[in-house]
Amino acid sequence: MEVSYELGLARFSGIEGTTEYTEAWELFIQRLQKQIEQVRAQRSEHHAPQQLLTEADCIRDSRAGDYEGKVLVMRPGVLRPEYWNAAHQLYFAVGGNGARASGHGTKVFCINIYTGEHTYIRRTDVMGAIEPDRLPGWAKEKAAALQQDYQREKAAEKQRLEKFLTARREKETSENLRRPRAAQTRGKEKGGER
């Protein structure tokens, strides 16, 4: 079944009907078989590892801390069953209110370690940060590269902020050097010298 929306109205296609119960089941099984073949094709195309990560693979009590700059493990229960594997569970957190333990939001902006896709996940969907020694072999190199890029970007951001603050201080200093003369003349007008 396909659904498209034209002019705000739903249009359904690929719908079949029958009054025969067994015929309906056969049609359902055919469509289910087609879905199974699509999942198998996707897995073979992406060569996705089938290892499932659990809470035992996470750092103890890591859910209470900050996530930014860490490799996170998504709970499998929030994923469709065909995505229950490490390739769809591992994300590198880069920011968002949900990445901070004290943040008011729940979005954790991140990068899928397997696909490199930039996305977000909810803090409530995370089991925790993965133990470094539990990280699958295929993910170690990718996670290290993401960590390097993240640290490089953070250093550049810090440098831009320092440059901005230095320029602001210089501007304030130059403005303050001009102000005292005006302040001295105002003081004499109000009450004179004593």
Protein backbone atom coordinates (compact mmCIF):
# COMPACT_ATOMS: atom_id res chain seq x y z
CA MET A 1 0.00 0.00 0.00
CA GLU A 2 1.28 3.43 -0.91
CA VAL A 3 -0.03 6.72 0.39
CA SER A 4 0.42 10.07 -1.35
CA TYR A 5 -1.01 13.45 -0.45
CA GLU A 6 -2.29 15.64 -3.25
CA LEU A 7 -4.07 18.89 -2.47
CA GLY A 8 -4.11 17.90 1.20
CA LEU A 9 -6.13 14.74 0.55
CA ALA A 10 -4.82 11.23 1.16
CA ARG A 11 -4.69 8.98 -1.89
CA PHE A 12 -4.19 5.26 -1.28
CA SER A 13 -2.97 2.79 -3.91
CA GLY A 14 -2.14 -0.91 -3.90
CA ILE A 15 -5.17 -1.81 -1.80
CA GLU A 16 -6.84 -5.10 -2.53
CA GLY A 17 -10.00 -6.55 -1.07
CA THR A 18 -11.49 -9.99 -0.88
CA THR A 19 -14.30 -11.74 0.89
CA GLU A 20 -12.32 -14.95 1.19
CA TYR A 21 -10.44 -15.17 4.51
CA THR A 22 -7.70 -17.51 3.25
CA GLU A 23 -7.13 -15.34 0.19
CA ALA A 24 -6.59 -12.33 2.48
CA TRP A 25 -4.03 -14.30 4.47
CA GLU A 26 -2.21 -15.34 1.29
CA LEU A 27 -2.05 -11.71 0.19
CA PHE A 28 -0.74 -10.69 3.63
CA ILE A 29 1.93 -13.41 3.52
CA GLN A 30 3.03 -12.35 0.03
CA ARG A 31 3.46 -8.76 1.17
CA LEU A 32 5.26 -9.88 4.31
CA GLN A 33 7.62 -12.02 2.21
CA LYS A 34 8.30 -8.98 0.00
CA GLN A 35 9.15 -6.93 3.11
CA ILE A 36 11.51 -9.68 4.34
CA GLU A 37 13.31 -9.67 0.99
CA GLN A 38 13.67 -5.88 1.15
CA VAL A 39 15.20 -6.07 4.64
CA ARG A 40 17.61 -8.82 3.56
CA ALA A 41 18.62 -6.80 0.49
CA GLN A 42 19.22 -3.73 2.65
CA ARG A 43 21.33 -5.71 5.12
CA SER A 44 23.46 -7.27 2.39
CA GLU A 45 23.81 -3.92 0.61
CA HIS A 46 25.05 -2.14 3.74
CA HIS A 47 26.80 -5.16 5.23
CA ALA A 48 25.31 -4.21 8.59
CA PRO A 49 26.72 -6.19 11.52
CA GLN A 50 23.99 -8.02 13.41
CA GLN A 51 25.37 -7.62 16.95
CA LEU A 52 22.79 -6.22 19.40
CA LEU A 53 24.10 -3.94 22.17
CA THR A 54 22.62 -4.02 25.67
CA GLU A 55 22.94 -2.05 28.92
CA ALA A 56 25.82 -4.35 29.87
CA ASP A 57 27.81 -2.69 27.07
CA CYS A 58 27.27 0.80 28.54
CA ILE A 59 29.20 2.72 31.18
CA ARG A 60 27.41 2.35 34.47
CA ASP A 61 25.31 5.42 35.42
CA SER A 62 26.26 7.21 32.20
CA ARG A 63 22.62 8.15 31.60
CA ALA A 64 22.90 10.74 34.38
CA GLY A 65 25.85 12.57 32.79
CA ASP A 66 26.52 14.71 29.76
CA TYR A 67 26.52 12.96 26.38
CA GLU A 68 28.34 15.50 24.22
CA GLY A 69 31.44 13.99 22.59
CA LYS A 70 30.51 10.41 23.55
CA VAL A 71 29.37 7.33 21.67
CA LEU A 72 25.79 6.54 22.69
CA VAL A 73 23.79 3.33 22.49
CA MET A 74 20.11 3.55 21.57
CA ARG A 75 17.62 1.29 23.28
CA PRO A 76 16.55 -1.41 20.80
CA GLY A 77 12.91 -1.07 21.92
CA VAL A 78 12.58 2.28 20.12
CA LEU A 79 13.76 0.76 16.84
CA ARG A 80 11.83 -1.45 14.46
CA PRO A 81 12.93 -5.10 14.88
CA GLU A 82 14.79 -5.18 11.55
CA TYR A 83 17.06 -2.43 12.90
CA TRP A 84 17.99 -4.23 16.11
CA ASN A 85 21.74 -4.21 15.57
CA ALA A 86 24.74 -2.12 16.52
CA ALA A 87 24.80 -0.33 13.16
CA HIS A 88 21.52 1.35 14.03
CA GLN A 89 22.22 1.73 17.77
CA LEU A 90 25.52 3.64 17.84
CA TYR A 91 25.53 7.44 17.63
CA PHE A 92 28.19 10.06 18.31
CA ALA A 93 26.68 12.97 20.28
CA VAL A 94 27.68 16.45 19.11
CA GLY A 95 25.27 18.73 21.00
CA GLY A 96 21.71 19.69 21.81
CA ASN A 97 19.87 20.43 25.05
CA GLY A 98 19.34 16.71 25.59
CA ALA A 99 23.10 16.12 25.50
CA ARG A 100 23.47 18.05 28.75
CA ALA A 101 22.42 16.31 31.94
CA SER A 102 20.85 19.54 33.22
CA GLY A 103 19.32 20.54 29.88
CA HIS A 104 15.61 21.26 29.59
CA GLY A 105 15.26 19.68 26.14
CA THR A 106 15.51 16.08 25.04
CA LYS A 107 17.07 16.32 21.58
CA VAL A 108 20.60 15.00 21.27
CA PHE A 109 22.12 16.02 17.94
CA CYS A 110 24.36 13.26 16.73
CA ILE A 111 25.93 11.31 13.89
CA ASN A 112 25.14 7.66 13.18
CA ILE A 113 28.51 5.94 13.42
CA TYR A 114 27.71 3.34 10.77
CA THR A 115 26.10 5.54 8.09
CA GLY A 116 27.55 8.96 8.96
CA GLU A 117 24.04 10.45 8.83
CA HIS A 118 23.51 13.62 10.88
CA THR A 119 20.31 13.34 12.90
CA TYR A 120 18.93 13.66 16.39
CA ILE A 121 17.68 11.19 18.94
CA ARG A 122 15.82 11.71 22.19
CA ARG A 123 17.69 11.47 25.48
CA THR A 124 14.99 9.07 26.72
CA ASP A 125 15.84 6.67 23.85
CA VAL A 126 19.46 6.28 24.98
CA MET A 127 20.66 3.37 27.14
CA GLY A 128 23.89 5.19 27.92
CA ALA A 129 27.43 5.84 26.68
CA ILE A 130 29.24 2.74 25.49
CA GLU A 131 32.23 1.30 27.34
CA PRO A 132 35.25 1.93 25.07
CA ASP A 133 36.30 -1.73 25.21
CA ARG A 134 32.76 -2.85 24.21
CA LEU A 135 32.75 -0.77 21.02
CA PRO A 136 32.58 -3.18 18.03
CA GLY A 137 35.74 -3.36 15.92
CA TRP A 138 34.13 -1.84 12.81
CA ALA A 139 33.04 1.19 14.86
CA LYS A 140 36.32 1.98 16.65
CA GLU A 141 38.00 3.69 13.70
CA LYS A 142 34.87 5.63 12.75
CA ALA A 143 34.29 6.73 16.35
CA ALA A 144 37.93 7.86 16.68
CA ALA A 145 37.64 9.93 13.48
CA LEU A 146 34.39 11.52 14.69
CA GLN A 147 36.02 12.28 18.07
CA GLN A 148 38.95 13.98 16.35
CA ASP A 149 36.64 16.08 14.16
CA TYR A 150 34.57 16.99 17.21
CA GLN A 151 37.63 18.08 19.24
CA ARG A 152 38.98 20.06 16.27
CA GLU A 153 35.63 21.86 15.87
CA LYS A 154 35.41 22.58 19.61
CA ALA A 155 38.96 24.04 19.58
CA ALA A 156 38.09 26.24 16.57
CA GLU A 157 34.89 27.36 18.30
CA LYS A 158 36.84 28.26 21.45
CA GLN A 159 39.36 30.20 19.37
CA ARG A 160 36.56 32.14 17.60
CA LEU A 161 34.98 32.96 20.96
CA GLU A 162 38.30 34.17 22.42
CA LYS A 163 38.91 36.33 19.32
CA PHE A 164 35.42 37.83 19.65
CA LEU A 165 35.86 38.55 23.39
CA THR A 166 39.30 40.11 22.83
CA ALA A 167 37.89 42.42 20.13
CA ARG A 168 35.00 43.35 22.41
CA ARG A 169 37.35 44.16 25.32
CA GLU A 170 39.52 46.30 23.05
CA LYS A 171 36.47 48.20 21.83
CA GLU A 172 35.25 48.80 25.40
CA THR A 173 38.73 49.94 26.47
CA SER A 174 38.97 52.43 23.63
CA GLU A 175 35.47 53.75 24.45
CA ASN A 176 36.37 54.11 28.14
CA LEU A 177 39.48 56.12 27.27
CA ARG A 178 37.24 58.68 25.56
CA ARG A 179 34.65 58.88 28.34
CA PRO A 180 36.62 60.30 31.29
CA ARG A 181 36.99 63.74 29.68
CA ALA A 182 33.26 64.01 29.18
CA ALA A 183 32.63 62.78 32.71
CA GLN A 184 35.04 65.39 34.15
CA THR A 185 33.28 68.27 32.43
CA ARG A 186 29.88 67.01 33.57
CA GLY A 187 31.10 66.86 37.15
CA LYS A 188 32.21 70.51 37.11
CA GLU A 189 28.89 71.67 35.72
CA LYS A 190 26.87 69.97 38.46
CA GLY A 191 28.61 71.09 41.58
CA GLY A 192 31.95 72.48 40.71
CA GLU A 193 35.19 71.52 42.36
CA ARG A 194 35.66 71.39 46.11
